[in-house]
N, C-alpha and C. Protein backbone atom coordinates (compact mmCIF):
# COMPACT_ATOMS: atom_id res chain seq x y z
N UNK A 1 -90.39 -39.42 -16.45
CA UNK A 1 -89.24 -38.66 -16.66
C UNK A 1 -89.13 -37.22 -16.00
N UNK A 2 -87.71 -37.16 -15.18
CA UNK A 2 -87.63 -35.75 -14.25
C UNK A 2 -87.51 -34.67 -14.96
N UNK A 3 -87.82 -33.69 -14.25
CA UNK A 3 -87.54 -32.12 -14.79
C UNK A 3 -86.65 -31.52 -14.32
N UNK A 4 -85.45 -31.99 -14.94
CA UNK A 4 -84.25 -31.24 -14.57
C UNK A 4 -83.75 -30.21 -14.31
N UNK A 5 -84.28 -28.96 -14.97
CA UNK A 5 -84.30 -27.17 -14.65
C UNK A 5 -84.97 -27.07 -13.44
N UNK A 6 -86.37 -27.60 -13.46
CA UNK A 6 -87.22 -27.65 -11.78
C UNK A 6 -86.90 -28.42 -10.74
N UNK A 7 -85.93 -29.23 -10.83
CA UNK A 7 -85.51 -30.19 -9.70
C UNK A 7 -84.26 -29.09 -9.25
N UNK A 8 -83.08 -28.93 -10.31
CA UNK A 8 -82.09 -28.11 -9.91
C UNK A 8 -82.29 -26.89 -9.34
N UNK A 9 -83.30 -25.95 -9.82
CA UNK A 9 -83.57 -25.09 -9.57
C UNK A 9 -84.16 -24.66 -7.80
N UNK A 10 -84.87 -25.99 -7.51
CA UNK A 10 -85.33 -26.28 -6.33
C UNK A 10 -83.74 -26.38 -5.44
N UNK A 11 -83.14 -27.47 -5.72
CA UNK A 11 -81.86 -27.62 -5.08
C UNK A 11 -80.91 -26.53 -4.58
N UNK A 12 -80.86 -25.48 -5.74
CA UNK A 12 -80.17 -24.05 -5.59
C UNK A 12 -80.91 -23.53 -4.71
N UNK A 13 -82.05 -23.47 -4.68
CA UNK A 13 -82.93 -22.65 -3.57
C UNK A 13 -82.64 -23.16 -2.07
N UNK A 14 -82.59 -24.66 -1.92
CA UNK A 14 -81.99 -25.14 -1.09
C UNK A 14 -80.70 -24.68 -0.35
N UNK A 15 -80.07 -24.90 -1.35
CA UNK A 15 -78.58 -24.43 -0.95
C UNK A 15 -78.41 -23.36 -0.67
N UNK A 16 -78.94 -22.44 -0.85
CA UNK A 16 -78.70 -21.02 -0.60
C UNK A 16 -79.42 -20.90 1.12
N UNK A 17 -80.75 -21.23 1.21
CA UNK A 17 -80.94 -21.16 2.59
C UNK A 17 -80.43 -22.21 3.35
N UNK A 18 -79.57 -23.29 2.94
CA UNK A 18 -79.14 -23.86 3.84
C UNK A 18 -77.56 -22.83 4.15
N UNK A 19 -77.03 -22.33 3.22
CA UNK A 19 -75.69 -21.72 3.49
C UNK A 19 -75.84 -20.45 4.24
N UNK A 20 -77.30 -20.01 4.18
CA UNK A 20 -77.59 -18.74 4.99
C UNK A 20 -77.87 -19.30 6.84
N UNK A 21 -78.82 -20.51 6.60
CA UNK A 21 -78.51 -21.35 8.11
C UNK A 21 -77.41 -21.39 8.80
N UNK A 22 -76.45 -22.00 7.92
CA UNK A 22 -75.00 -22.27 8.79
C UNK A 22 -73.89 -21.09 8.66
N UNK A 23 -74.60 -19.80 8.65
CA UNK A 23 -73.94 -18.57 8.61
C UNK A 23 -72.60 -18.33 7.55
N UNK A 24 -72.91 -19.19 6.28
CA UNK A 24 -72.11 -19.52 5.24
C UNK A 24 -72.37 -18.66 4.06
N UNK A 25 -73.06 -17.53 4.01
CA UNK A 25 -73.41 -17.05 2.85
C UNK A 25 -73.32 -15.46 3.33
N UNK A 26 -72.56 -15.09 2.31
CA UNK A 26 -71.77 -13.60 2.83
C UNK A 26 -72.80 -12.34 2.45
N UNK A 27 -72.54 -11.36 2.71
CA UNK A 27 -73.25 -10.02 2.15
C UNK A 27 -72.49 -9.10 1.35
N UNK A 28 -71.02 -9.33 1.58
CA UNK A 28 -70.48 -8.64 0.46
C UNK A 28 -69.53 -9.47 -0.77
N UNK A 29 -69.81 -9.56 -1.79
CA UNK A 29 -69.21 -9.93 -3.17
C UNK A 29 -67.49 -9.91 -2.50
N UNK A 30 -66.91 -10.79 -3.18
CA UNK A 30 -65.65 -10.81 -3.19
C UNK A 30 -65.09 -9.71 -4.03
N UNK A 31 -64.03 -9.44 -3.90
CA UNK A 31 -63.83 -8.44 -5.13
C UNK A 31 -63.64 -8.74 -6.48
N UNK A 32 -63.37 -7.76 -7.61
CA UNK A 32 -63.13 -8.43 -9.21
C UNK A 32 -62.10 -8.97 -8.85
N UNK A 33 -60.51 -8.76 -8.38
CA UNK A 33 -59.32 -9.22 -8.63
C UNK A 33 -59.99 -10.66 -7.92
N UNK A 34 -60.32 -11.23 -6.97
CA UNK A 34 -60.75 -12.39 -6.71
C UNK A 34 -61.46 -13.24 -7.61
N UNK A 35 -62.55 -12.61 -8.11
CA UNK A 35 -63.17 -13.57 -9.05
C UNK A 35 -62.59 -13.61 -10.24
N UNK A 36 -61.43 -12.91 -10.43
CA UNK A 36 -60.94 -12.90 -11.76
C UNK A 36 -59.92 -14.34 -11.74
N UNK A 37 -59.86 -15.23 -10.54
CA UNK A 37 -59.00 -16.15 -10.75
C UNK A 37 -59.27 -17.33 -11.49
N UNK A 38 -58.04 -17.80 -12.21
CA UNK A 38 -58.66 -19.14 -13.19
C UNK A 38 -58.22 -20.30 -12.37
N UNK A 39 -57.76 -20.06 -11.10
CA UNK A 39 -57.89 -21.69 -10.57
C UNK A 39 -59.13 -22.73 -10.59
N UNK A 40 -59.06 -23.69 -10.64
CA UNK A 40 -60.67 -24.45 -10.67
C UNK A 40 -61.04 -23.98 -9.02
N UNK A 41 -62.43 -24.11 -8.88
CA UNK A 41 -63.05 -23.67 -7.79
C UNK A 41 -62.49 -22.04 -7.11
N UNK A 42 -61.81 -21.56 -7.83
CA UNK A 42 -60.95 -19.97 -7.35
C UNK A 42 -60.56 -20.56 -5.94
N UNK A 43 -59.75 -21.31 -5.69
CA UNK A 43 -59.55 -22.10 -4.41
C UNK A 43 -58.44 -21.02 -4.04
N UNK A 44 -57.69 -20.12 -5.08
CA UNK A 44 -56.51 -19.41 -4.36
C UNK A 44 -56.72 -18.10 -4.15
N UNK A 45 -58.33 -17.81 -4.10
CA UNK A 45 -58.69 -16.40 -3.82
C UNK A 45 -60.14 -16.86 -3.10
N UNK A 46 -60.60 -17.65 -3.28
CA UNK A 46 -62.13 -17.80 -2.04
C UNK A 46 -62.26 -18.98 -1.46
N UNK A 47 -62.84 -18.67 -0.76
CA UNK A 47 -63.60 -19.99 0.23
C UNK A 47 -64.44 -20.78 -0.75
N UNK A 48 -64.99 -22.28 -0.17
CA UNK A 48 -66.03 -23.05 -1.43
C UNK A 48 -67.15 -22.39 -1.04
N UNK A 49 -67.48 -21.63 0.38
CA UNK A 49 -69.11 -21.34 0.20
C UNK A 49 -69.22 -19.76 -0.48
N UNK A 50 -67.75 -19.07 -0.57
CA UNK A 50 -67.70 -17.92 -1.36
C UNK A 50 -68.09 -18.05 -3.05
N UNK A 51 -67.32 -19.55 -3.52
CA UNK A 51 -67.38 -19.85 -4.91
C UNK A 51 -68.64 -20.62 -5.11
N UNK A 52 -69.42 -20.84 -3.78
CA UNK A 52 -70.61 -21.45 -4.36
C UNK A 52 -71.92 -20.49 -4.42
N UNK A 53 -71.55 -19.42 -3.64
CA UNK A 53 -72.46 -18.06 -3.62
C UNK A 53 -72.49 -17.29 -4.64
N UNK A 54 -70.96 -17.30 -5.20
CA UNK A 54 -70.91 -16.03 -5.92
C UNK A 54 -70.46 -16.41 -7.62
N UNK A 55 -70.36 -17.80 -7.73
CA UNK A 55 -69.97 -18.34 -9.14
C UNK A 55 -70.89 -19.45 -9.60
N UNK A 56 -70.89 -20.47 -8.50
CA UNK A 56 -71.94 -21.76 -8.84
C UNK A 56 -73.31 -21.18 -9.21
N UNK A 57 -73.88 -21.16 -8.22
CA UNK A 57 -74.96 -20.52 -8.08
C UNK A 57 -75.71 -19.86 -9.01
N UNK A 58 -74.65 -18.49 -9.47
CA UNK A 58 -75.45 -17.57 -10.28
C UNK A 58 -75.14 -18.17 -11.40
N UNK A 59 -74.01 -19.06 -12.12
CA UNK A 59 -73.97 -19.65 -13.34
C UNK A 59 -74.76 -20.38 -13.64
N UNK A 60 -75.22 -21.88 -12.74
CA UNK A 60 -76.23 -22.55 -13.06
C UNK A 60 -77.64 -21.96 -13.25
N UNK A 61 -78.20 -20.85 -12.49
CA UNK A 61 -79.05 -20.15 -12.98
C UNK A 61 -79.33 -19.68 -14.21
N UNK A 62 -78.22 -18.94 -14.30
CA UNK A 62 -77.95 -18.43 -15.74
C UNK A 62 -78.47 -19.25 -16.96
N UNK A 63 -77.86 -20.49 -16.64
CA UNK A 63 -77.85 -21.33 -17.52
C UNK A 63 -79.08 -22.18 -17.93
N UNK A 64 -79.67 -22.07 -16.33
CA UNK A 64 -81.14 -22.59 -16.58
C UNK A 64 -82.24 -21.50 -17.29
N UNK A 65 -81.80 -20.20 -17.09
CA UNK A 65 -82.66 -19.30 -17.25
C UNK A 65 -82.26 -19.06 -19.31
N UNK A 66 -81.21 -19.35 -19.70
CA UNK A 66 -80.87 -19.39 -20.95
C UNK A 66 -81.29 -20.71 -21.87
N UNK A 67 -81.88 -21.86 -20.79
CA UNK A 67 -81.84 -23.23 -21.47
C UNK A 67 -80.64 -23.98 -22.08
N UNK A 68 -79.63 -23.36 -21.51
CA UNK A 68 -78.43 -23.91 -22.23
C UNK A 68 -77.89 -25.41 -21.37
N UNK A 69 -77.22 -25.82 -22.11
CA UNK A 69 -76.70 -27.11 -21.66
C UNK A 69 -76.06 -26.90 -20.26
N UNK A 70 -76.16 -28.04 -19.09
CA UNK A 70 -76.16 -27.84 -17.99
C UNK A 70 -74.55 -28.55 -17.88
N UNK A 71 -74.01 -28.30 -17.17
CA UNK A 71 -72.61 -29.22 -16.64
C UNK A 71 -72.65 -30.63 -16.30
N UNK A 72 -71.84 -31.50 -16.36
CA UNK A 72 -72.22 -32.93 -16.04
C UNK A 72 -71.27 -33.44 -15.31
N UNK A 73 -71.28 -34.79 -14.62
CA UNK A 73 -70.26 -35.02 -14.20
C UNK A 73 -69.94 -34.02 -12.68
N UNK A 74 -70.72 -33.74 -12.37
CA UNK A 74 -70.39 -32.20 -11.12
C UNK A 74 -70.14 -33.35 -9.99
N UNK A 75 -69.36 -32.65 -9.68
CA UNK A 75 -68.19 -33.23 -8.08
C UNK A 75 -67.89 -31.98 -7.09
N UNK A 76 -68.87 -30.96 -6.94
CA UNK A 76 -68.61 -30.35 -5.79
C UNK A 76 -68.62 -30.73 -4.64
N UNK A 77 -69.65 -31.66 -4.18
CA UNK A 77 -69.79 -32.01 -2.83
C UNK A 77 -68.36 -32.51 -2.25
N UNK A 78 -67.72 -33.34 -2.72
CA UNK A 78 -66.42 -34.08 -2.15
C UNK A 78 -65.65 -32.76 -1.44
N UNK A 79 -65.20 -31.81 -2.59
CA UNK A 79 -64.61 -30.43 -2.08
C UNK A 79 -65.22 -29.83 -0.78
N UNK A 80 -66.46 -29.47 -0.98
CA UNK A 80 -66.61 -28.86 0.11
C UNK A 80 -66.91 -29.59 1.41
N UNK A 81 -67.03 -30.78 1.37
CA UNK A 81 -67.06 -31.90 2.25
C UNK A 81 -65.76 -31.71 3.07
N UNK A 82 -64.72 -31.82 2.50
CA UNK A 82 -63.37 -31.61 2.60
C UNK A 82 -63.03 -30.30 3.64
N UNK A 83 -63.51 -29.37 2.75
CA UNK A 83 -63.16 -28.19 3.16
C UNK A 83 -63.99 -27.28 4.38
N UNK A 84 -65.12 -28.03 4.75
CA UNK A 84 -66.06 -27.48 5.93
C UNK A 84 -65.55 -28.80 6.87
N UNK A 85 -65.41 -29.56 6.47
CA UNK A 85 -64.91 -30.69 7.49
C UNK A 85 -63.62 -30.43 8.53
N UNK A 86 -62.86 -29.68 7.48
CA UNK A 86 -61.62 -29.17 8.22
C UNK A 86 -61.76 -28.08 8.65
N UNK A 87 -62.40 -27.02 8.26
CA UNK A 87 -62.56 -26.03 9.13
C UNK A 87 -63.73 -25.44 10.03
N UNK A 88 -64.71 -26.67 9.74
CA UNK A 88 -65.87 -26.49 10.98
C UNK A 88 -66.09 -27.72 11.36
N UNK A 89 -65.41 -28.56 12.19
CA UNK A 89 -65.66 -30.09 12.39
C UNK A 89 -67.09 -30.30 13.03
N UNK A 90 -66.98 -29.31 13.85
CA UNK A 90 -68.65 -29.23 14.58
C UNK A 90 -69.73 -28.46 14.25
N UNK A 91 -69.37 -27.85 12.61
CA UNK A 91 -69.85 -26.97 12.21
C UNK A 91 -71.54 -27.43 11.84
N UNK A 92 -72.42 -26.46 11.48
CA UNK A 92 -73.81 -26.90 11.00
C UNK A 92 -74.01 -26.60 9.18
N UNK A 93 -73.06 -27.49 8.83
CA UNK A 93 -73.34 -27.55 7.36
C UNK A 93 -73.44 -28.83 6.79
N UNK A 94 -73.65 -29.87 7.84
CA UNK A 94 -74.76 -30.81 7.21
C UNK A 94 -75.54 -30.92 6.03
N UNK A 95 -76.56 -30.02 6.46
CA UNK A 95 -77.42 -30.14 5.36
C UNK A 95 -76.83 -29.40 3.93
N UNK A 96 -76.15 -28.23 4.04
CA UNK A 96 -75.84 -27.92 2.71
C UNK A 96 -75.04 -28.88 2.05
N UNK A 97 -74.50 -29.96 2.87
CA UNK A 97 -73.42 -30.87 2.14
C UNK A 97 -74.46 -32.01 1.47
N UNK A 98 -75.65 -32.07 2.03
CA UNK A 98 -76.60 -32.99 1.55
C UNK A 98 -77.30 -32.47 0.51
N UNK A 99 -77.28 -31.40 0.30
CA UNK A 99 -78.13 -30.64 -0.93
C UNK A 99 -77.09 -30.66 -1.91
N UNK A 100 -75.83 -30.08 -1.91
CA UNK A 100 -74.78 -30.50 -2.63
C UNK A 100 -74.62 -31.53 -3.36
N UNK A 101 -74.63 -32.94 -2.45
CA UNK A 101 -74.79 -33.94 -3.18
C UNK A 101 -75.58 -34.45 -3.98
N UNK A 102 -76.94 -33.73 -3.87
CA UNK A 102 -78.16 -33.77 -4.85
C UNK A 102 -78.13 -33.10 -6.00
N UNK A 103 -77.41 -31.69 -5.73
CA UNK A 103 -77.01 -31.00 -7.06
C UNK A 103 -76.08 -31.86 -7.88
N UNK A 104 -74.87 -32.41 -7.27
CA UNK A 104 -74.10 -33.17 -8.25
C UNK A 104 -74.57 -34.52 -8.76
N UNK A 105 -75.37 -35.05 -7.86
CA UNK A 105 -76.25 -36.39 -8.57
C UNK A 105 -77.25 -35.80 -9.62
N UNK A 106 -78.00 -34.68 -9.83
CA UNK A 106 -78.95 -34.48 -10.65
C UNK A 106 -77.97 -33.61 -11.63
N UNK A 107 -77.05 -33.17 -11.96
CA UNK A 107 -76.52 -32.77 -13.10
C UNK A 107 -76.04 -33.98 -13.51
N UNK A 108 -75.51 -35.14 -12.76
CA UNK A 108 -74.41 -36.07 -13.60
C UNK A 108 -75.59 -37.03 -14.20
N UNK A 109 -76.70 -37.27 -13.66
CA UNK A 109 -77.60 -37.95 -14.29
C UNK A 109 -78.31 -37.28 -15.79
N UNK A 110 -78.43 -36.25 -15.48
CA UNK A 110 -78.62 -35.46 -16.64
C UNK A 110 -77.73 -35.44 -17.81
N UNK A 111 -76.42 -35.20 -17.53
CA UNK A 111 -75.58 -35.56 -18.52
C UNK A 111 -75.34 -36.88 -18.96
N UNK A 112 -76.18 -38.21 -18.47
CA UNK A 112 -75.93 -39.51 -18.97
C UNK A 112 -77.13 -39.69 -19.66
N UNK A 113 -78.03 -38.92 -19.20
CA UNK A 113 -79.78 -38.92 -19.97
C UNK A 113 -79.43 -38.56 -20.93
């Protein structure tokens, strides 16, 4: 049986490293107003990489730290793929997408188990 929290933490660390390598990791957090969006993925105020950095990754770490239930049926990869392939057709984000696919799979399998 796999250790989902350990696997997920590893994937989150990989995601951060890949976003940094692709120059998709920002130094400044978004405004409080931008983070107050109620839209899915805060798409009206944030780019997908900002949402990943400032919302998705910290929330998953917080859930893991609290030993709280993890979300299931995660589907972040398709949105990131669409956004990045549209904005950066030749961009260096392929490995980050692979990591996001692994995060989606890890959360979906954990929810099914």
